[in-house]
Amino acid sequence: MTSVAHPPDPAEAWRRIARLIDAADADGVAEAVLALDDAGRRAVAAALPGHLKAARARRDPWEGLGDARWASARRAPGRSAAPRPG
């Protein structure tokens, strides 16, 4: 069970975000990242660059050219994982 009292494990949070990115689920990525606590957001921010590099390497260079769905899924965690003011 995950809640404010029981935040997700940062490593598990990252695995979930990575699966959503790979599935090109931008809405799911955004929702999952917004639900993270600070530790989870830090874990995502730390792992994201390496994951995106590996994901790009797995793709055919022409695959998804102009695919806004995949691009949105890659950008969502970066926008959502940024430190929140206040």
N, C-alpha and C. Protein backbone atom coordinates (compact mmCIF):
# COMPACT_ATOMS: atom_id res chain seq x y z
N MET A 1 0.84 -1.18 0.00
CA MET A 1 0.00 0.00 0.00
C MET A 1 0.88 1.23 0.00
N THR A 2 0.60 2.17 -0.89
CA THR A 2 1.37 3.40 -0.99
C THR A 2 0.48 4.57 -0.62
N SER A 3 0.99 5.42 0.24
CA SER A 3 0.28 6.63 0.64
C SER A 3 1.32 7.60 1.15
N VAL A 4 0.87 8.75 1.62
CA VAL A 4 1.79 9.72 2.19
C VAL A 4 2.50 9.09 3.38
N ALA A 5 1.77 8.31 4.17
CA ALA A 5 2.37 7.65 5.34
C ALA A 5 3.29 6.52 4.92
N HIS A 6 3.05 5.93 3.75
CA HIS A 6 3.86 4.81 3.24
C HIS A 6 4.28 5.11 1.81
N PRO A 7 5.27 6.03 1.65
CA PRO A 7 5.68 6.37 0.29
C PRO A 7 6.32 5.18 -0.40
N PRO A 8 6.29 5.17 -1.74
CA PRO A 8 6.89 4.05 -2.47
C PRO A 8 8.40 4.04 -2.29
N ASP A 9 8.99 2.86 -2.36
CA ASP A 9 10.43 2.71 -2.35
C ASP A 9 10.98 3.44 -3.57
N PRO A 10 12.01 4.30 -3.42
CA PRO A 10 12.51 5.04 -4.58
C PRO A 10 12.94 4.15 -5.75
N ALA A 11 13.55 3.01 -5.46
CA ALA A 11 13.97 2.11 -6.54
C ALA A 11 12.75 1.53 -7.27
N GLU A 12 11.73 1.15 -6.53
CA GLU A 12 10.51 0.63 -7.15
C GLU A 12 9.80 1.74 -7.92
N ALA A 13 9.81 2.94 -7.37
CA ALA A 13 9.20 4.08 -8.06
C ALA A 13 9.87 4.28 -9.42
N TRP A 14 11.21 4.21 -9.43
CA TRP A 14 11.93 4.38 -10.69
C TRP A 14 11.57 3.27 -11.67
N ARG A 15 11.51 2.02 -11.21
CA ARG A 15 11.18 0.91 -12.12
C ARG A 15 9.80 1.14 -12.75
N ARG A 16 8.85 1.62 -11.95
CA ARG A 16 7.51 1.88 -12.48
C ARG A 16 7.56 2.98 -13.55
N ILE A 17 8.29 4.07 -13.25
CA ILE A 17 8.39 5.16 -14.22
C ILE A 17 9.05 4.67 -15.50
N ALA A 18 10.11 3.88 -15.37
CA ALA A 18 10.82 3.37 -16.55
C ALA A 18 9.89 2.52 -17.40
N ARG A 19 9.08 1.67 -16.78
CA ARG A 19 8.13 0.83 -17.55
C ARG A 19 7.13 1.72 -18.29
N LEU A 20 6.65 2.77 -17.64
CA LEU A 20 5.68 3.66 -18.28
C LEU A 20 6.33 4.42 -19.44
N ILE A 21 7.58 4.85 -19.26
CA ILE A 21 8.29 5.52 -20.36
C ILE A 21 8.42 4.58 -21.54
N ASP A 22 8.85 3.36 -21.27
CA ASP A 22 9.04 2.38 -22.35
C ASP A 22 7.74 2.05 -23.05
N ALA A 23 6.63 2.16 -22.34
CA ALA A 23 5.32 1.92 -22.94
C ALA A 23 4.76 3.17 -23.61
N ALA A 24 5.53 4.28 -23.58
CA ALA A 24 5.12 5.56 -24.16
C ALA A 24 3.82 6.07 -23.55
N ASP A 25 3.65 5.84 -22.26
CA ASP A 25 2.44 6.26 -21.54
C ASP A 25 2.71 7.59 -20.83
N ALA A 26 2.64 8.70 -21.57
CA ALA A 26 2.95 10.01 -21.01
C ALA A 26 2.04 10.38 -19.86
N ASP A 27 0.75 10.09 -19.99
CA ASP A 27 -0.18 10.41 -18.90
C ASP A 27 0.14 9.60 -17.66
N GLY A 28 0.45 8.32 -17.85
CA GLY A 28 0.81 7.47 -16.72
C GLY A 28 2.09 7.93 -16.06
N VAL A 29 3.09 8.34 -16.86
CA VAL A 29 4.34 8.84 -16.31
C VAL A 29 4.08 10.08 -15.47
N ALA A 30 3.35 11.02 -16.02
CA ALA A 30 3.09 12.26 -15.30
C ALA A 30 2.35 11.99 -14.00
N GLU A 31 1.34 11.14 -14.05
CA GLU A 31 0.56 10.81 -12.85
C GLU A 31 1.45 10.14 -11.79
N ALA A 32 2.27 9.19 -12.23
CA ALA A 32 3.13 8.46 -11.29
C ALA A 32 4.18 9.38 -10.67
N VAL A 33 4.78 10.24 -11.48
CA VAL A 33 5.81 11.14 -10.94
C VAL A 33 5.22 12.14 -9.98
N LEU A 34 4.06 12.66 -10.29
CA LEU A 34 3.42 13.63 -9.40
C LEU A 34 3.07 13.02 -8.05
N ALA A 35 2.89 11.71 -8.01
CA ALA A 35 2.56 11.03 -6.76
C ALA A 35 3.79 10.71 -5.91
N LEU A 36 5.00 10.94 -6.45
CA LEU A 36 6.23 10.59 -5.73
C LEU A 36 6.53 11.57 -4.61
N ASP A 37 7.22 11.07 -3.60
CA ASP A 37 7.76 11.94 -2.57
C ASP A 37 9.11 12.46 -3.05
N ASP A 38 9.79 13.27 -2.23
CA ASP A 38 11.07 13.86 -2.64
C ASP A 38 12.10 12.79 -2.99
N ALA A 39 12.19 11.74 -2.20
CA ALA A 39 13.18 10.68 -2.46
C ALA A 39 12.89 10.00 -3.80
N GLY A 40 11.63 9.76 -4.08
CA GLY A 40 11.26 9.15 -5.36
C GLY A 40 11.59 10.05 -6.53
N ARG A 41 11.31 11.35 -6.39
CA ARG A 41 11.64 12.29 -7.47
C ARG A 41 13.14 12.35 -7.70
N ARG A 42 13.92 12.32 -6.62
CA ARG A 42 15.38 12.33 -6.77
C ARG A 42 15.85 11.07 -7.49
N ALA A 43 15.26 9.92 -7.13
CA ALA A 43 15.64 8.67 -7.79
C ALA A 43 15.34 8.72 -9.28
N VAL A 44 14.18 9.25 -9.63
CA VAL A 44 13.81 9.36 -11.04
C VAL A 44 14.75 10.32 -11.76
N ALA A 45 15.02 11.47 -11.15
CA ALA A 45 15.89 12.46 -11.77
C ALA A 45 17.29 11.90 -11.98
N ALA A 46 17.78 11.07 -11.06
CA ALA A 46 19.11 10.50 -11.18
C ALA A 46 19.18 9.43 -12.26
N ALA A 47 18.14 8.62 -12.37
CA ALA A 47 18.16 7.48 -13.30
C ALA A 47 17.72 7.85 -14.72
N LEU A 48 16.98 8.91 -14.85
CA LEU A 48 16.37 9.25 -16.14
C LEU A 48 17.37 9.44 -17.29
N PRO A 49 18.44 10.21 -17.13
CA PRO A 49 19.35 10.40 -18.28
C PRO A 49 19.92 9.09 -18.83
N GLY A 50 20.35 8.20 -17.96
CA GLY A 50 20.89 6.92 -18.42
C GLY A 50 19.84 6.06 -19.09
N HIS A 51 18.63 6.09 -18.55
CA HIS A 51 17.55 5.29 -19.15
C HIS A 51 17.21 5.81 -20.54
N LEU A 52 17.13 7.12 -20.68
CA LEU A 52 16.79 7.68 -21.99
C LEU A 52 17.88 7.37 -23.02
N LYS A 53 19.14 7.42 -22.60
CA LYS A 53 20.23 7.07 -23.51
C LYS A 53 20.10 5.62 -23.96
N ALA A 54 19.83 4.73 -23.02
CA ALA A 54 19.67 3.31 -23.35
C ALA A 54 18.43 3.09 -24.23
N ALA A 55 17.34 3.79 -23.93
CA ALA A 55 16.11 3.64 -24.71
C ALA A 55 16.33 4.11 -26.14
N ARG A 56 17.04 5.21 -26.30
CA ARG A 56 17.33 5.70 -27.65
C ARG A 56 18.20 4.70 -28.42
N ALA A 57 19.15 4.09 -27.73
CA ALA A 57 20.05 3.13 -28.37
C ALA A 57 19.30 1.89 -28.85
N ARG A 58 18.22 1.52 -28.16
CA ARG A 58 17.44 0.34 -28.54
C ARG A 58 16.55 0.61 -29.74
N ARG A 59 16.24 1.85 -29.99
CA ARG A 59 15.32 2.20 -31.07
C ARG A 59 16.05 2.30 -32.40
N ASP A 60 15.37 1.93 -33.45
CA ASP A 60 15.87 2.17 -34.80
C ASP A 60 15.94 3.69 -34.97
N PRO A 61 16.99 4.22 -35.60
CA PRO A 61 17.11 5.68 -35.71
C PRO A 61 15.90 6.35 -36.37
N TRP A 62 15.19 5.63 -37.22
CA TRP A 62 14.04 6.23 -37.90
C TRP A 62 12.73 5.91 -37.20
N GLU A 63 12.76 5.00 -36.25
CA GLU A 63 11.54 4.60 -35.56
C GLU A 63 10.96 5.77 -34.77
N GLY A 64 9.71 5.99 -34.95
CA GLY A 64 9.02 7.00 -34.16
C GLY A 64 9.41 8.43 -34.48
N LEU A 65 10.08 8.64 -35.62
CA LEU A 65 10.46 9.99 -35.98
C LEU A 65 9.18 10.83 -36.02
N GLY A 66 9.13 11.83 -35.19
CA GLY A 66 7.94 12.64 -35.09
C GLY A 66 6.87 12.04 -34.20
N ASP A 67 7.19 10.98 -33.48
CA ASP A 67 6.23 10.31 -32.61
C ASP A 67 6.07 11.12 -31.32
N ALA A 68 5.09 11.98 -31.29
CA ALA A 68 4.89 12.86 -30.14
C ALA A 68 4.56 12.07 -28.88
N ARG A 69 3.91 10.93 -29.03
CA ARG A 69 3.54 10.13 -27.86
C ARG A 69 4.79 9.67 -27.11
N TRP A 70 5.78 9.15 -27.82
CA TRP A 70 7.00 8.68 -27.17
C TRP A 70 7.79 9.85 -26.61
N ALA A 71 7.85 10.95 -27.36
CA ALA A 71 8.58 12.14 -26.89
C ALA A 71 7.95 12.68 -25.61
N SER A 72 6.64 12.70 -25.55
CA SER A 72 5.96 13.19 -24.34
C SER A 72 6.26 12.31 -23.14
N ALA A 73 6.31 11.01 -23.36
CA ALA A 73 6.60 10.10 -22.26
C ALA A 73 8.02 10.29 -21.75
N ARG A 74 8.94 10.67 -22.62
CA ARG A 74 10.32 10.93 -22.19
C ARG A 74 10.42 12.23 -21.43
N ARG A 75 9.65 13.24 -21.82
CA ARG A 75 9.76 14.55 -21.18
C ARG A 75 9.00 14.65 -19.87
N ALA A 76 7.94 13.91 -19.71
CA ALA A 76 7.08 14.06 -18.53
C ALA A 76 7.82 13.89 -17.21
N PRO A 77 8.69 12.88 -17.04
CA PRO A 77 9.34 12.76 -15.74
C PRO A 77 10.30 13.90 -15.46
N GLY A 78 10.95 14.42 -16.47
CA GLY A 78 11.87 15.53 -16.26
C GLY A 78 11.14 16.77 -15.78
N ARG A 79 9.99 17.03 -16.36
CA ARG A 79 9.20 18.19 -15.93
C ARG A 79 8.63 17.94 -14.54
N SER A 80 8.14 16.74 -14.32
CA SER A 80 7.45 16.45 -13.07
C SER A 80 8.40 16.23 -11.91
N ALA A 81 9.64 15.79 -12.18
CA ALA A 81 10.58 15.48 -11.11
C ALA A 81 11.35 16.70 -10.63
N ALA A 82 11.19 17.81 -11.30
CA ALA A 82 11.90 19.02 -10.88
C ALA A 82 11.48 19.38 -9.46
N PRO A 83 12.40 19.92 -8.69
CA PRO A 83 12.05 20.31 -7.31
C PRO A 83 10.87 21.27 -7.30
N ARG A 84 10.02 21.09 -6.35
CA ARG A 84 8.84 21.94 -6.23
C ARG A 84 9.17 23.14 -5.34
N PRO A 85 8.74 24.32 -5.75
CA PRO A 85 9.01 25.51 -4.93
C PRO A 85 8.25 25.43 -3.62
N GLY A 86 8.81 26.07 -2.65
CA GLY A 86 8.08 26.15 -1.38
C GLY A 86 8.65 25.27 -0.40
